[in-house]
Amino acid sequence: MRINETLSDHIVRDLPHLLRPGDVLVANDTRVIPAQLSAHRGAARIGITLDRPLPDGDWSALARNARKLKPGDVLDIDGDTTMQARVITLPRDGQVVLRFSLEGDAFADALRRAGALALPPYIERPQGPTAQDSQDYQTVFAEHEGAVAAPTAGLHFTPALLTRLSDAGILRETITLHVGAGTFLPMRTENVHEHRMHAERGEISPEAAARLNAIRANGGRIVSVGTTVLRLLESSSDARGIHPFQGETDIFILPGHRFHSADMLMTNFHLPKSTLFMLVCAFAGEARMRAAYAHAISTGYRFFSYGDSSLLDRAS
């Protein structure tokens, strides 16, 4: 689907014809890690979903069945006898800070042995993620490890489509936003202005920022592949352009936000009342998005991570 003043239906392989030579696709090159761990303290079973590493080497994580945990408790990680995790802070809203007994390559190796993909809860896997999931839940752009969830707009791309886009004169740039565990959490406040986004780590290199600014100066459009890319671009942009970025962002984009970076957004269909639906309404206009979603539902579009996509023009 493409949304301009009117709606039109397409398939993703039409993309080279929907864009113009000189446009640039900006994709997220994060790679999903096996962030789901199972642990125990005595007979108590604790579920852990890693969120992001902290500057001191500890990890922010979401914990299930963690009511009886207290600082100093040591958790044994199931599936790898070499790794333990010490509780540093009390769980708050399910979030806890952990210090693992391993670090660096040893930690990464243990995570591959003991961890599993943290698939969204609506993807039912009673026996856990499969080997096929390990392939399907990575985008063709995946390079830098660190995401808990896939930037799902990128799942639509294949090497063959990228070749066709390149042949059509459409450029490509990658930036990195490591999607955190907060992406699975619902908004719990009635007042949207009271909601606080979980921080996520991102990076835009000086070279990438310079190339994007040059493309726009030459009349090319910036096409954000997914909301993760758009959030990172907006975290590093102002009226002067896109700036290099390295650090954490917790930007929450609501209707009324003034965009400085992307001209178009390719994104999957999101749940109503979600922060991502608010973002696309801010980008393309609430009335247009409500019409688009009504069309998607009546036409049988698929929602969620493995669902269909839309290509949105920024509202003027």
Protein backbone atom coordinates (compact mmCIF):
# COMPACT_ATOMS: atom_id res chain seq x y z
CA MET A 1 0.00 0.00 0.00
CA ARG A 2 1.16 3.52 -0.76
CA ILE A 3 -0.46 6.50 0.91
CA ASN A 4 -0.51 9.84 -0.84
CA GLU A 5 -3.74 11.83 -1.18
CA THR A 6 -5.34 8.53 -2.24
CA LEU A 7 -4.66 4.92 -1.31
CA SER A 8 -3.22 2.42 -3.76
CA ASP A 9 -2.30 -1.24 -3.39
CA HIS A 10 1.11 -2.59 -4.39
CA ILE A 11 3.56 -5.32 -3.49
CA VAL A 12 7.03 -4.74 -2.15
CA ARG A 13 8.72 -5.70 -5.40
CA ASP A 14 7.06 -2.60 -6.94
CA LEU A 15 9.34 -0.44 -4.80
CA PRO A 16 11.86 0.39 -7.58
CA HIS A 17 8.97 1.94 -9.55
CA LEU A 18 7.53 3.83 -6.56
CA LEU A 19 10.81 5.59 -5.76
CA ARG A 20 12.95 7.90 -7.90
CA PRO A 21 16.60 7.72 -8.94
CA GLY A 22 18.61 9.62 -6.35
CA ASP A 23 16.33 8.64 -3.45
CA VAL A 24 18.06 6.84 -0.57
CA LEU A 25 16.73 3.94 1.48
CA VAL A 26 17.95 4.15 5.07
CA ALA A 27 17.86 0.74 6.80
CA ASN A 28 18.66 -0.49 10.31
CA ASP A 29 21.64 -2.87 10.30
CA THR A 30 21.17 -4.17 13.84
CA ARG A 31 21.35 -7.95 14.32
CA VAL A 32 19.03 -9.76 16.74
CA ILE A 33 20.73 -11.59 19.60
CA PRO A 34 19.33 -14.61 21.52
CA ALA A 35 18.16 -12.38 24.37
CA GLN A 36 15.72 -14.76 26.06
CA LEU A 37 17.22 -16.62 29.02
CA SER A 38 15.87 -18.98 31.63
CA ALA A 39 17.44 -18.95 35.10
CA HIS A 40 16.85 -20.31 38.57
CA ARG A 41 17.61 -19.42 42.17
CA GLY A 42 17.12 -22.60 44.12
CA ALA A 43 13.68 -23.87 43.10
CA ALA A 44 12.50 -20.48 41.84
CA ARG A 45 12.40 -20.15 38.04
CA ILE A 46 13.15 -16.73 36.58
CA GLY A 47 12.62 -15.66 32.98
CA ILE A 48 15.02 -13.01 31.65
CA THR A 49 14.81 -10.91 28.52
CA LEU A 50 17.93 -8.83 27.99
CA ASP A 51 17.25 -5.20 27.11
CA ARG A 52 20.56 -3.38 26.67
CA PRO A 53 24.06 -3.22 28.15
CA LEU A 54 24.78 -0.31 30.48
CA PRO A 55 27.97 1.80 30.39
CA ASP A 56 29.43 -0.03 33.41
CA GLY A 57 29.00 -3.46 31.78
CA ASP A 58 25.83 -4.46 33.65
CA TRP A 59 22.68 -5.34 31.71
CA SER A 60 19.22 -3.86 31.91
CA ALA A 61 16.71 -6.70 31.53
CA LEU A 62 13.07 -7.60 31.95
CA ALA A 63 12.42 -10.34 34.51
CA ARG A 64 9.41 -12.60 35.00
CA ASN A 65 8.49 -14.27 38.29
CA ALA A 66 10.93 -11.92 40.00
CA ARG A 67 8.91 -10.76 43.01
CA LYS A 68 11.12 -12.49 45.55
CA LEU A 69 14.41 -11.32 44.09
CA LYS A 70 16.60 -8.93 46.05
CA PRO A 71 19.95 -7.24 45.36
CA GLY A 72 22.84 -9.66 45.69
CA ASP A 73 20.86 -12.74 44.65
CA VAL A 74 22.77 -14.97 42.23
CA LEU A 75 20.90 -16.61 39.38
CA ASP A 76 22.16 -19.73 37.62
CA ILE A 77 21.59 -19.53 33.87
CA ASP A 78 19.96 -22.62 32.41
CA GLY A 79 21.76 -24.14 29.46
CA ASP A 80 25.24 -22.90 30.37
CA THR A 81 26.96 -23.89 33.60
CA THR A 82 29.70 -21.28 33.10
CA MET A 83 27.41 -18.26 33.48
CA GLN A 84 25.62 -16.69 36.44
CA ALA A 85 23.90 -13.35 36.91
CA ARG A 86 23.89 -11.25 40.10
CA VAL A 87 20.91 -9.01 40.82
CA ILE A 88 22.13 -5.41 41.19
CA THR A 89 18.84 -3.56 41.58
CA LEU A 90 15.36 -4.59 42.67
CA PRO A 91 12.87 -5.28 39.87
CA ARG A 92 10.77 -2.21 39.08
CA ASP A 93 7.91 -2.59 36.62
CA GLY A 94 9.52 -5.89 35.71
CA GLN A 95 12.87 -4.27 34.93
CA VAL A 96 16.06 -5.31 36.72
CA VAL A 97 19.79 -4.68 36.42
CA LEU A 98 21.97 -7.80 36.22
CA ARG A 99 25.74 -8.35 36.36
CA PHE A 100 26.86 -11.44 34.50
CA SER A 101 29.85 -13.54 35.51
CA LEU A 102 31.15 -13.49 31.93
CA GLU A 103 31.91 -10.63 29.60
CA GLY A 104 33.15 -9.97 26.09
CA ASP A 105 33.47 -12.95 23.75
CA ALA A 106 32.91 -15.41 26.61
CA PHE A 107 29.55 -13.80 27.37
CA ALA A 108 28.56 -13.78 23.68
CA ASP A 109 29.46 -17.46 23.35
CA ALA A 110 27.46 -18.38 26.46
CA LEU A 111 24.50 -16.36 25.20
CA ARG A 112 24.51 -18.30 21.94
CA ARG A 113 24.50 -21.57 23.92
CA ALA A 114 21.87 -20.66 26.49
CA GLY A 115 19.77 -17.94 24.87
CA ALA A 116 16.83 -17.99 22.50
CA LEU A 117 15.23 -15.38 20.28
CA ALA A 118 12.74 -13.20 22.15
CA LEU A 119 10.00 -13.53 19.56
CA PRO A 120 6.92 -11.32 19.95
CA PRO A 121 4.25 -12.99 22.11
CA TYR A 122 1.79 -13.29 19.21
CA ILE A 123 4.21 -15.64 17.37
CA GLU A 124 3.24 -18.89 19.07
CA ARG A 125 6.14 -21.26 19.64
CA PRO A 126 5.11 -23.68 22.44
CA GLN A 127 8.45 -25.50 22.12
CA GLY A 128 10.47 -22.32 21.71
CA PRO A 129 11.91 -20.60 18.63
CA THR A 130 12.98 -22.88 15.80
CA ALA A 131 16.13 -22.95 13.70
CA GLN A 132 14.07 -21.43 10.88
CA ASP A 133 13.14 -18.52 13.15
CA SER A 134 16.84 -17.80 13.59
CA GLN A 135 17.02 -17.13 9.85
CA ASP A 136 13.60 -15.57 9.28
CA TYR A 137 13.88 -13.08 12.15
CA GLN A 138 17.01 -11.39 10.77
CA THR A 139 16.92 -8.78 8.04
CA VAL A 140 19.15 -8.83 4.98
CA PHE A 141 20.84 -5.73 6.46
CA ALA A 142 21.72 -7.38 9.81
CA GLU A 143 25.35 -6.79 10.77
CA HIS A 144 25.88 -5.35 14.26
CA GLU A 145 24.68 -7.58 17.12
CA GLY A 146 22.58 -6.04 19.87
CA ALA A 147 18.83 -6.02 19.11
CA VAL A 148 16.24 -7.89 21.14
CA ALA A 149 13.66 -7.62 18.34
CA ALA A 150 14.01 -7.35 14.58
CA PRO A 151 13.41 -4.03 12.78
CA THR A 152 10.61 -5.71 10.89
CA ALA A 153 10.24 -3.35 7.92
CA GLY A 154 13.63 -4.64 6.80
CA LEU A 155 12.31 -8.22 6.64
CA HIS A 156 10.62 -7.42 3.31
CA PHE A 157 13.94 -6.98 1.50
CA THR A 158 15.90 -9.66 -0.36
CA PRO A 159 19.26 -9.51 -2.15
CA ALA A 160 17.40 -9.63 -5.48
CA LEU A 161 15.22 -6.64 -4.58
CA LEU A 162 18.26 -4.67 -3.39
CA THR A 163 19.92 -5.33 -6.75
CA ARG A 164 16.85 -4.07 -8.61
CA LEU A 165 16.71 -0.96 -6.45
CA SER A 166 20.39 -0.28 -7.10
CA ASP A 167 19.89 -0.78 -10.84
CA ALA A 168 17.06 1.78 -10.68
CA GLY A 169 19.42 4.39 -9.23
CA ILE A 170 18.07 4.20 -5.70
CA LEU A 171 20.79 4.58 -3.09
CA ARG A 172 21.16 2.77 0.23
CA GLU A 173 22.50 3.77 3.64
CA THR A 174 22.54 1.92 6.96
CA ILE A 175 22.44 3.19 10.51
CA THR A 176 22.13 1.21 13.75
CA LEU A 177 19.42 1.18 16.40
CA HIS A 178 19.46 -1.82 18.72
CA VAL A 179 15.78 -2.49 19.36
CA GLY A 180 15.23 -3.12 23.08
CA ALA A 181 12.88 -5.28 25.13
CA GLY A 182 10.64 -2.27 25.72
CA THR A 183 9.24 -2.79 22.24
CA PHE A 184 7.16 -5.68 23.65
CA LEU A 185 5.63 -3.61 26.46
CA PRO A 186 2.20 -1.97 26.19
CA MET A 187 1.56 1.67 27.01
CA ARG A 188 0.19 1.65 30.56
CA THR A 189 -0.74 5.32 31.02
CA GLU A 190 -4.05 6.93 30.03
CA ASN A 191 -2.27 10.22 29.34
CA VAL A 192 0.14 9.64 26.45
CA HIS A 193 2.36 12.50 27.64
CA GLU A 194 3.07 10.53 30.83
CA HIS A 195 4.41 7.51 28.91
CA ARG A 196 8.16 7.02 29.00
CA MET A 197 9.88 5.11 26.22
CA HIS A 198 12.62 2.63 27.09
CA ALA A 199 16.03 3.84 25.97
CA GLU A 200 17.71 2.13 23.01
CA ARG A 201 21.28 2.35 21.75
CA GLY A 202 21.95 3.84 18.35
CA GLU A 203 24.67 5.10 16.06
CA ILE A 204 24.84 7.26 12.95
CA SER A 205 28.39 7.64 11.72
CA PRO A 206 29.71 11.04 10.61
CA GLU A 207 30.13 9.62 7.11
CA ALA A 208 26.53 8.38 6.94
CA ALA A 209 25.18 11.72 8.20
CA ALA A 210 27.24 13.60 5.60
CA ARG A 211 26.04 11.35 2.77
CA LEU A 212 22.39 11.70 3.78
CA ASN A 213 22.63 15.48 3.97
CA ALA A 214 24.32 15.58 0.55
CA ILE A 215 21.62 13.39 -1.01
CA ARG A 216 18.86 15.63 0.28
CA ALA A 217 20.73 18.75 -0.84
CA ASN A 218 20.82 17.25 -4.34
CA GLY A 219 17.05 16.68 -4.38
CA GLY A 220 16.96 13.04 -3.28
CA ARG A 221 14.38 11.88 -0.78
CA ILE A 222 15.25 10.08 2.45
CA VAL A 223 13.15 6.91 2.74
CA SER A 224 13.16 5.47 6.27
CA VAL A 225 12.90 1.68 6.33
CA GLY A 226 10.95 1.27 9.53
CA THR A 227 10.10 3.24 12.63
CA THR A 228 13.40 2.36 14.33
CA VAL A 229 15.29 4.22 11.61
CA LEU A 230 12.91 7.17 11.79
CA ARG A 231 13.24 7.45 15.57
CA LEU A 232 17.03 7.44 15.34
CA LEU A 233 17.08 9.95 12.48
CA GLU A 234 14.79 12.28 14.41
CA SER A 235 16.93 11.89 17.53
CA SER A 236 19.89 13.29 15.61
CA SER A 237 18.27 15.88 13.33
CA ASP A 238 17.28 19.51 13.43
CA ALA A 239 16.58 22.26 10.91
CA ARG A 240 20.25 22.20 9.89
CA GLY A 241 20.20 18.54 8.90
CA ILE A 242 21.17 15.10 10.21
CA HIS A 243 24.04 14.94 12.69
CA PRO A 244 26.29 12.06 13.80
CA PHE A 245 24.93 10.22 16.79
CA GLN A 246 26.20 7.68 19.27
CA GLY A 247 24.38 6.89 22.49
CA GLU A 248 20.87 6.23 23.78
CA THR A 249 17.56 7.63 22.64
CA ASP A 250 14.15 7.46 24.28
CA ILE A 251 12.41 9.78 21.82
CA PHE A 252 8.60 9.49 21.83
CA ILE A 253 7.11 10.91 18.63
CA LEU A 254 3.52 12.11 18.88
CA PRO A 255 1.23 14.03 16.49
CA GLY A 256 2.47 17.59 16.37
CA HIS A 257 6.11 16.55 16.10
CA ARG A 258 8.04 18.52 13.48
CA PHE A 259 10.08 16.15 11.34
CA HIS A 260 13.50 17.15 10.07
CA SER A 261 14.85 13.97 8.48
CA ALA A 262 12.83 11.44 6.45
CA ASP A 263 10.58 12.29 3.51
CA MET A 264 8.99 8.82 3.30
CA LEU A 265 8.47 5.93 5.70
CA MET A 266 8.11 2.25 4.92
CA THR A 267 6.57 0.47 7.90
CA ASN A 268 4.43 -2.51 8.85
CA PHE A 269 0.94 -2.15 10.34
CA HIS A 270 0.88 -1.51 14.09
CA LEU A 271 -1.60 -2.04 16.91
CA PRO A 272 -4.11 0.72 17.68
CA LYS A 273 -3.26 2.82 20.74
CA SER A 274 0.40 1.83 20.42
CA THR A 275 3.32 4.24 20.44
CA LEU A 276 4.15 3.18 16.87
CA PHE A 277 0.66 3.98 15.59
CA MET A 278 1.04 7.42 17.17
CA LEU A 279 4.35 7.81 15.35
CA VAL A 280 2.88 6.99 11.92
CA CYS A 281 -0.03 9.35 12.63
CA ALA A 282 2.49 12.08 13.43
CA PHE A 283 4.32 11.36 10.18
CA ALA A 284 1.50 10.88 7.68
CA GLY A 285 -1.49 12.48 9.42
CA GLU A 286 -4.07 10.90 11.70
CA ALA A 287 -6.99 11.03 9.27
CA ARG A 288 -4.92 9.48 6.48
CA MET A 289 -3.69 6.70 8.74
CA ARG A 290 -7.15 5.87 10.05
CA ALA A 291 -8.35 5.62 6.44
CA ALA A 292 -5.32 3.51 5.54
CA TYR A 293 -5.86 1.10 8.44
CA ALA A 294 -9.56 0.77 7.64
CA HIS A 295 -8.59 -0.09 4.05
CA ALA A 296 -5.93 -2.56 5.25
CA ILE A 297 -8.40 -4.36 7.50
CA SER A 298 -11.16 -4.53 4.87
CA THR A 299 -8.70 -5.71 2.20
CA GLY A 300 -7.14 -8.41 4.38
CA TYR A 301 -3.70 -6.97 4.96
CA ARG A 302 -1.64 -8.80 7.57
CA PHE A 303 -0.46 -7.00 10.68
CA PHE A 304 2.53 -7.50 13.05
CA SER A 305 6.15 -8.54 12.52
CA TYR A 306 5.69 -10.92 9.59
CA GLY A 307 2.84 -8.88 8.12
CA ASP A 308 2.43 -6.49 5.22
CA SER A 309 3.90 -3.05 4.84
CA SER A 310 2.98 0.48 3.82
CA LEU A 311 4.88 3.28 2.12
CA LEU A 312 3.96 6.66 3.54
CA ASP A 313 4.62 10.19 2.33
CA ARG A 314 5.24 12.73 5.05
CA ALA A 315 2.28 14.99 5.68
CA SER A 316 2.91 18.58 4.63
